[in-house]
């Protein structure tokens, strides 16, 4: 476990100054376990796991709509029921995104995850996991790139000739020439998760989980000094982030020694918006070290998803392409979203200390 402790110290130093927990969105949701459910922290067999994923929402648009994420987690120590194979998991996740002309989003932020894995059987093939995550939310926006009502209408377009309340608060941009971004005030957010995981003697896997993010309803807003209040005294630029509920499931069935199939499902809801993404992956074991994966998914009412990947020992690489099926599918230059992801499980085992034996032949 020493490698995880050393990495933990490094990442704690990185996150001491600022932690973030901004919502992000991936088609390869199983390749980003800690943003799916904090109970995923340490939910694997190995010393440590590292991974990352990059998403470009609309690859051919001239403006940036991208998301980046990186994580590291590990099973840290045994639980208080050592005879039942309980253990404690911990992890760190870092992510950030940018959207549009104003580059609304966040720089690389981070969150801390912890989990406890309860063994439900003496064989250790069934576990119920409780997870917890905490961080803070902080956004930034390049206000001099924003367009307001008077910018679009103008005096000849029916405008009043007066500055809108939003323009009055944001002004013409940041007064700091070295930093063109306005930053929101940071607010702490908490998430919880529950997961059930079981395997059988054939190696089939079933995983079911539910998580809830922003359960404390954090409030955030851009810091504009004395412009944070309107002329009526109402506090401006303050928004409460609604809670986000996620249900996820994964089932891997080994059909033969070489072929497997893995259907999965993601359902998440934020306020009045919902997202449903069923996917199915098929795997073919080329040799003992290499497995090829391919599959399809569907984001209901939005896009079809093409999934490709390869596993080499403990390294998994995946790529996906969203083919939009809605109104934007026919717009010039908008072809869908692209993702590239990779996970690697580090396995370090202590070499057994075998005392030397002296062979004395009988004469």
Protein backbone atom coordinates (compact mmCIF):
# COMPACT_ATOMS: atom_id res chain seq x y z
CA UNK A 1 0.00 0.00 0.00
CA UNK A 2 3.00 2.35 0.17
CA UNK A 3 2.49 3.55 -3.39
CA UNK A 4 -1.04 4.71 -2.54
CA UNK A 5 0.08 6.50 0.62
CA UNK A 6 2.73 8.43 -1.32
CA UNK A 7 0.32 9.35 -4.06
CA UNK A 8 -2.28 10.31 -1.44
CA UNK A 9 0.11 12.81 0.14
CA UNK A 10 0.81 14.36 -3.25
CA UNK A 11 -2.84 14.67 -4.25
CA UNK A 12 -3.84 16.00 -0.83
CA UNK A 13 -1.33 18.80 -1.31
CA UNK A 14 -2.83 19.49 -4.73
CA UNK A 15 -6.37 19.66 -3.35
CA UNK A 16 -5.67 21.58 -0.14
CA UNK A 17 -5.95 24.93 -1.89
CA UNK A 18 -9.10 24.17 -3.86
CA UNK A 19 -11.46 21.25 -4.25
CA UNK A 20 -14.25 21.03 -6.81
CA UNK A 21 -17.18 18.78 -7.60
CA UNK A 22 -18.66 20.04 -10.83
CA UNK A 23 -21.11 17.79 -12.65
CA UNK A 24 -19.67 16.20 -15.77
CA UNK A 25 -21.08 13.95 -18.44
CA UNK A 26 -19.57 10.92 -20.19
CA UNK A 27 -20.84 8.27 -22.60
CA UNK A 28 -18.27 5.79 -21.27
CA UNK A 29 -19.62 6.16 -17.76
CA UNK A 30 -18.14 2.84 -16.62
CA UNK A 31 -14.66 4.19 -17.44
CA UNK A 32 -15.11 7.06 -14.95
CA UNK A 33 -16.11 5.17 -11.78
CA UNK A 34 -15.67 7.90 -9.15
CA UNK A 35 -17.92 10.38 -10.97
CA UNK A 36 -20.52 7.61 -11.30
CA UNK A 37 -20.66 6.62 -7.63
CA UNK A 38 -18.35 7.34 -4.65
CA UNK A 39 -18.91 3.71 -3.59
CA UNK A 40 -16.69 2.73 -6.54
CA UNK A 41 -13.58 3.90 -4.66
CA UNK A 42 -11.36 0.88 -4.12
CA UNK A 43 -13.87 -1.53 -5.70
CA UNK A 44 -11.35 -3.73 -7.49
CA UNK A 45 -8.59 -6.25 -6.78
CA UNK A 46 -5.16 -4.65 -6.90
CA UNK A 47 -2.87 -2.13 -5.22
CA UNK A 48 -4.09 1.07 -6.91
CA UNK A 49 -6.03 2.16 -9.96
CA UNK A 50 -5.45 5.23 -12.11
CA UNK A 51 -7.46 6.45 -15.04
CA UNK A 52 -8.52 9.38 -17.13
CA UNK A 53 -11.06 10.36 -19.75
CA UNK A 54 -11.35 13.21 -22.24
CA UNK A 55 -14.55 14.28 -23.99
CA UNK A 56 -15.02 16.77 -26.81
CA UNK A 57 -18.75 17.41 -27.03
CA UNK A 58 -18.85 18.84 -30.57
CA UNK A 59 -15.52 17.98 -32.14
CA UNK A 60 -15.86 20.03 -35.34
CA UNK A 61 -17.16 23.26 -33.85
CA UNK A 62 -14.66 26.16 -33.70
CA UNK A 63 -15.46 26.76 -30.00
CA UNK A 64 -14.35 24.58 -27.12
CA UNK A 65 -16.89 22.20 -25.54
CA UNK A 66 -14.62 19.78 -23.72
CA UNK A 67 -14.39 17.88 -20.43
CA UNK A 68 -11.34 16.28 -18.81
CA UNK A 69 -11.21 13.92 -15.84
CA UNK A 70 -8.53 12.00 -13.95
CA UNK A 71 -8.79 9.74 -10.91
CA UNK A 72 -6.77 7.48 -8.61
CA UNK A 73 -8.17 5.13 -6.00
CA UNK A 74 -7.15 2.09 -3.97
CA UNK A 75 -8.28 -0.39 -1.31
CA UNK A 76 -6.48 1.17 1.64
CA UNK A 77 -6.88 -1.01 4.75
CA UNK A 78 -8.88 -3.99 5.96
CA UNK A 79 -12.21 -3.33 7.64
CA UNK A 80 -13.20 -3.97 11.24
CA UNK A 81 -14.59 -7.41 10.28
CA UNK A 82 -11.33 -8.88 9.06
CA UNK A 83 -12.64 -12.44 8.98
CA UNK A 84 -15.37 -11.38 6.54
CA UNK A 85 -12.99 -9.69 4.05
CA UNK A 86 -14.24 -6.13 4.60
CA UNK A 87 -12.03 -3.28 3.39
CA UNK A 88 -11.88 0.51 3.17
CA UNK A 89 -11.39 2.27 -0.16
CA UNK A 90 -10.27 5.83 -0.89
CA UNK A 91 -9.73 7.89 -3.99
CA UNK A 92 -9.21 11.30 -5.53
CA UNK A 93 -10.83 12.59 -8.71
CA UNK A 94 -9.93 15.68 -10.72
CA UNK A 95 -11.97 17.21 -13.52
CA UNK A 96 -12.67 20.38 -15.43
CA UNK A 97 -14.54 21.63 -18.48
CA UNK A 98 -14.95 24.57 -20.83
CA UNK A 99 -18.02 25.49 -22.88
CA UNK A 100 -18.55 27.99 -25.67
CA UNK A 101 -17.24 31.44 -26.51
CA UNK A 102 -17.22 32.61 -22.88
CA UNK A 103 -15.39 29.40 -21.81
CA UNK A 104 -17.85 28.86 -18.98
CA UNK A 105 -16.70 26.04 -16.74
CA UNK A 106 -13.94 25.22 -14.31
CA UNK A 107 -10.21 24.62 -14.31
CA UNK A 108 -8.96 21.23 -13.08
CA UNK A 109 -10.71 20.67 -9.75
CA UNK A 110 -10.76 17.75 -7.32
CA UNK A 111 -12.83 15.70 -4.89
CA UNK A 112 -12.09 13.20 -2.11
CA UNK A 113 -13.90 9.84 -2.07
CA UNK A 114 -14.13 7.21 0.67
CA UNK A 115 -15.95 3.88 0.81
CA UNK A 116 -16.51 0.88 3.07
CA UNK A 117 -17.01 -2.54 1.48
CA UNK A 118 -19.11 -4.95 3.58
CA UNK A 119 -18.66 -8.63 2.70
CA UNK A 120 -22.01 -10.42 2.52
CA UNK A 121 -20.59 -13.93 2.15
CA UNK A 122 -17.71 -15.86 3.68
CA UNK A 123 -16.32 -16.55 0.21
CA UNK A 124 -15.91 -12.81 -0.37
CA UNK A 125 -17.79 -12.84 -3.68
CA UNK A 126 -20.63 -10.53 -2.59
CA UNK A 127 -20.19 -7.03 -1.22
CA UNK A 128 -22.39 -4.10 -0.25
CA UNK A 129 -20.54 -0.78 -0.38
CA UNK A 130 -21.31 2.60 1.16
CA UNK A 131 -19.48 5.58 -0.34
CA UNK A 132 -19.03 9.26 0.46
CA UNK A 133 -17.53 12.16 -1.48
CA UNK A 134 -16.87 15.80 -0.68
CA UNK A 135 -15.50 18.76 -2.61
CA UNK A 136 -16.40 22.30 -3.57
CA UNK A 137 -17.86 23.87 -6.68
CA UNK A 138 -16.25 26.81 -8.43
CA UNK A 139 -16.93 28.20 -11.91
CA UNK A 140 -15.35 30.82 -14.12
CA UNK A 141 -16.53 32.79 -17.15
CA UNK A 142 -14.85 35.17 -19.59
CA UNK A 143 -17.44 37.94 -19.36
CA UNK A 144 -16.07 40.18 -22.14
CA UNK A 145 -17.11 37.44 -24.60
CA UNK A 146 -20.74 37.38 -23.45
CA UNK A 147 -23.56 38.85 -25.53
CA UNK A 148 -26.45 40.54 -23.74
CA UNK A 149 -29.81 41.88 -24.88
CA UNK A 150 -28.53 45.29 -25.94
CA UNK A 151 -25.69 43.70 -27.91
CA UNK A 152 -28.14 41.69 -30.01
CA UNK A 153 -31.00 44.20 -30.44
CA UNK A 154 -29.22 47.53 -30.42
CA UNK A 155 -31.07 50.88 -30.74
CA UNK A 156 -32.31 49.98 -34.24
CA UNK A 157 -33.54 46.54 -33.18
CA UNK A 158 -36.06 47.68 -30.63
CA UNK A 159 -33.65 48.03 -27.76
CA UNK A 160 -34.14 50.74 -25.14
CA UNK A 161 -30.59 52.01 -25.42
CA UNK A 162 -30.03 51.24 -21.75
CA UNK A 163 -27.73 48.61 -20.35
CA UNK A 164 -29.41 45.47 -19.09
CA UNK A 165 -29.10 44.53 -15.45
CA UNK A 166 -26.81 41.64 -16.42
CA UNK A 167 -24.48 43.97 -18.37
CA UNK A 168 -24.47 46.39 -15.45
CA UNK A 169 -23.37 43.64 -13.10
CA UNK A 170 -20.78 42.05 -15.39
CA UNK A 171 -19.57 45.32 -16.94
CA UNK A 172 -17.36 45.05 -20.01
CA UNK A 173 -15.31 42.23 -18.52
CA UNK A 174 -12.80 41.60 -15.78
CA UNK A 175 -10.94 44.69 -14.53
CA UNK A 176 -7.77 42.57 -14.17
CA UNK A 177 -5.89 42.51 -17.51
CA UNK A 178 -3.91 39.45 -16.38
CA UNK A 179 -7.05 37.42 -15.56
CA UNK A 180 -9.98 37.85 -17.97
CA UNK A 181 -12.21 35.47 -15.97
CA UNK A 182 -14.79 36.11 -13.32
CA UNK A 183 -14.76 33.35 -10.71
CA UNK A 184 -17.70 32.13 -8.69
CA UNK A 185 -17.57 31.77 -4.95
CA UNK A 186 -16.68 28.24 -3.86
CA UNK A 187 -19.30 26.21 -2.04
CA UNK A 188 -18.85 22.77 -0.51
CA UNK A 189 -20.84 19.84 -1.85
CA UNK A 190 -21.48 16.33 -0.49
CA UNK A 191 -22.38 13.11 -2.28
CA UNK A 192 -23.27 9.61 -1.09
CA UNK A 193 -23.58 6.26 -2.83
CA UNK A 194 -24.57 2.64 -2.33
CA UNK A 195 -23.49 -0.32 -4.47
CA UNK A 196 -24.02 -4.09 -4.56
CA UNK A 197 -21.49 -6.28 -6.34
CA UNK A 198 -21.36 -10.05 -6.79
CA UNK A 199 -19.45 -12.62 -8.84
CA UNK A 200 -19.90 -16.37 -9.35
CA UNK A 201 -17.47 -19.23 -9.94
CA UNK A 202 -17.71 -18.74 -13.73
CA UNK A 203 -16.48 -15.14 -13.33
CA UNK A 204 -19.82 -13.49 -14.18
CA UNK A 205 -20.25 -10.06 -12.59
CA UNK A 206 -23.35 -8.17 -11.44
CA UNK A 207 -23.09 -4.58 -10.22
CA UNK A 208 -25.98 -2.35 -9.10
CA UNK A 209 -25.61 1.11 -7.60
CA UNK A 210 -27.34 4.35 -6.68
CA UNK A 211 -25.79 7.68 -5.76
CA UNK A 212 -26.94 11.19 -4.91
CA UNK A 213 -24.78 14.25 -5.55
CA UNK A 214 -25.10 17.76 -4.03
CA UNK A 215 -27.37 16.48 -1.28
CA UNK A 216 -26.77 19.65 0.73
CA UNK A 217 -28.00 21.98 -2.06
CA UNK A 218 -24.83 24.11 -2.37
CA UNK A 219 -25.18 27.72 -3.50
CA UNK A 220 -22.73 29.34 -5.86
CA UNK A 221 -22.45 32.55 -7.86
CA UNK A 222 -19.97 34.87 -9.55
CA UNK A 223 -18.23 37.34 -7.28
CA UNK A 224 -18.85 40.84 -8.69
CA UNK A 225 -18.14 42.97 -5.64
CA UNK A 226 -20.77 45.66 -5.02
CA UNK A 227 -22.58 44.50 -8.18
CA UNK A 228 -23.67 41.30 -6.44
CA UNK A 229 -26.96 43.01 -5.49
CA UNK A 230 -29.53 44.57 -7.82
CA UNK A 231 -31.08 48.02 -7.48
CA UNK A 232 -33.95 46.45 -5.53
CA UNK A 233 -31.54 44.95 -3.01
CA UNK A 234 -32.02 41.39 -4.26
CA UNK A 235 -28.87 39.28 -4.21
CA UNK A 236 -27.85 38.54 -7.78
CA UNK A 237 -25.83 35.79 -9.43
CA UNK A 238 -26.65 33.20 -6.77
CA UNK A 239 -27.92 29.79 -7.81
CA UNK A 240 -28.58 26.64 -5.82
CA UNK A 241 -27.28 23.50 -7.47
CA UNK A 242 -30.03 20.85 -7.52
CA UNK A 243 -29.29 17.34 -6.32
CA UNK A 244 -28.45 14.72 -8.94
CA UNK A 245 -29.61 11.11 -8.59
CA UNK A 246 -27.89 8.28 -10.49
CA UNK A 247 -28.90 4.64 -10.90
CA UNK A 248 -26.40 2.37 -12.67
CA UNK A 249 -26.11 -1.31 -13.42
CA UNK A 250 -23.62 -3.61 -15.14
CA UNK A 251 -23.78 -7.34 -15.89
CA UNK A 252 -20.91 -9.27 -17.47
CA UNK A 253 -21.65 -12.79 -18.72
CA UNK A 254 -18.93 -15.12 -19.99
CA UNK A 255 -20.61 -16.97 -22.84
CA UNK A 256 -17.50 -19.04 -23.65
CA UNK A 257 -13.84 -19.07 -22.68
CA UNK A 258 -13.24 -16.36 -25.29
CA UNK A 259 -16.52 -14.43 -25.67
CA UNK A 260 -18.31 -12.26 -23.12
CA UNK A 261 -21.19 -9.80 -23.20
CA UNK A 262 -21.71 -6.83 -20.87
CA UNK A 263 -25.02 -4.91 -20.90
CA UNK A 264 -25.13 -1.80 -18.71
CA UNK A 265 -27.57 0.99 -17.88
CA UNK A 266 -27.29 4.55 -16.62
CA UNK A 267 -30.25 6.60 -15.40
CA UNK A 268 -29.74 10.02 -13.89
CA UNK A 269 -32.09 12.84 -12.97
CA UNK A 270 -31.41 16.50 -12.17
CA UNK A 271 -34.44 18.62 -11.27
CA UNK A 272 -36.90 18.04 -14.17
CA UNK A 273 -34.29 16.62 -16.58
CA UNK A 274 -33.53 12.92 -16.99
CA UNK A 275 -31.00 10.90 -18.97
CA UNK A 276 -31.22 7.20 -19.84
CA UNK A 277 -28.26 5.47 -21.49
CA UNK A 278 -28.41 1.69 -22.11
CA UNK A 279 -25.25 0.14 -23.56
CA UNK A 280 -24.02 -3.33 -24.48
CA UNK A 281 -20.41 -4.39 -25.01
CA UNK A 282 -19.11 -7.65 -26.45
CA UNK A 283 -15.60 -8.89 -25.67
CA UNK A 284 -13.38 -11.33 -27.53
CA UNK A 285 -10.31 -12.80 -25.81
CA UNK A 286 -7.62 -12.85 -28.49
CA UNK A 287 -5.03 -14.45 -26.22
CA UNK A 288 -4.43 -14.67 -22.45
CA UNK A 289 -3.27 -11.03 -22.34
CA UNK A 290 -5.45 -9.23 -24.93
CA UNK A 291 -9.20 -8.77 -25.20
CA UNK A 292 -10.98 -6.68 -27.85
CA UNK A 293 -14.25 -4.92 -26.96
CA UNK A 294 -16.95 -3.36 -29.14
CA UNK A 295 -20.51 -2.28 -28.53
CA UNK A 296 -23.38 0.14 -29.02
CA UNK A 297 -25.30 2.50 -26.77
CA UNK A 298 -28.24 4.85 -27.01
CA UNK A 299 -28.81 8.09 -25.14
CA UNK A 300 -32.59 8.15 -25.23
CA UNK A 301 -33.93 10.93 -27.43
CA UNK A 302 -30.45 12.26 -28.25
CA UNK A 303 -27.74 10.07 -29.78
CA UNK A 304 -26.54 6.62 -30.75
CA UNK A 305 -23.15 5.66 -29.29
CA UNK A 306 -20.40 3.57 -30.88
CA UNK A 307 -18.04 1.95 -28.34
CA UNK A 308 -14.62 0.40 -29.02
CA UNK A 309 -11.85 -0.74 -26.69
CA UNK A 310 -9.02 -3.12 -25.91
CA UNK A 311 -7.76 -4.71 -22.67
CA UNK A 312 -4.10 -5.62 -22.30
CA UNK A 313 -3.56 -7.38 -18.97
CA UNK A 314 -4.51 -4.72 -16.39
CA UNK A 315 -4.72 -1.83 -18.87
CA UNK A 316 -8.07 -0.94 -20.41
CA UNK A 317 -8.42 1.61 -23.24
CA UNK A 318 -11.77 2.78 -24.60
CA UNK A 319 -13.10 5.18 -27.21
CA UNK A 320 -16.62 6.28 -28.08
CA UNK A 321 -18.40 8.37 -30.71
CA UNK A 322 -21.83 9.96 -30.22
CA UNK A 323 -23.90 10.10 -33.41
CA UNK A 324 -26.57 12.72 -32.80
CA UNK A 325 -30.10 11.81 -33.84
CA UNK A 326 -31.89 15.04 -32.92
CA UNK A 327 -32.21 18.40 -34.64
CA UNK A 328 -28.51 19.16 -34.37
CA UNK A 329 -27.60 16.04 -36.37
CA UNK A 330 -28.26 17.86 -39.67
CA UNK A 331 -26.48 21.10 -38.75
CA UNK A 332 -23.25 21.76 -40.60
CA UNK A 333 -20.17 20.95 -38.54
CA UNK A 334 -22.00 19.28 -35.64
CA UNK A 335 -21.30 15.56 -35.86
CA UNK A 336 -21.38 14.37 -32.26
CA UNK A 337 -19.10 13.86 -29.29
CA UNK A 338 -15.81 11.97 -29.03
CA UNK A 339 -14.28 10.35 -25.94
CA UNK A 340 -10.98 8.68 -25.18
CA UNK A 341 -10.44 6.88 -21.85
CA UNK A 342 -7.92 4.63 -20.12
CA UNK A 343 -7.77 2.77 -16.79
CA UNK A 344 -4.82 0.87 -15.31
CA UNK A 345 -4.76 -1.33 -12.21
CA UNK A 346 -1.40 -1.43 -10.45
CA UNK A 347 -0.61 -4.73 -8.74
CA UNK A 348 2.30 -4.89 -6.31
CA UNK A 349 2.64 -8.03 -4.25
CA UNK A 350 5.00 -8.58 -1.36
CA UNK A 351 7.44 -11.36 -2.09
CA UNK A 352 7.19 -14.19 0.43
CA UNK A 353 10.08 -14.49 2.86
CA UNK A 354 10.90 -18.19 2.67
CA UNK A 355 13.55 -19.37 5.14
CA UNK A 356 16.34 -21.29 3.45
CA UNK A 357 16.40 -25.04 3.93
CA UNK A 358 19.56 -27.11 4.13
CA UNK A 359 19.46 -30.48 2.49
CA UNK A 360 21.56 -33.02 4.38
CA UNK A 361 21.67 -36.24 2.36
CA UNK A 362 21.74 -39.41 4.38
CA UNK A 363 24.96 -41.31 3.84
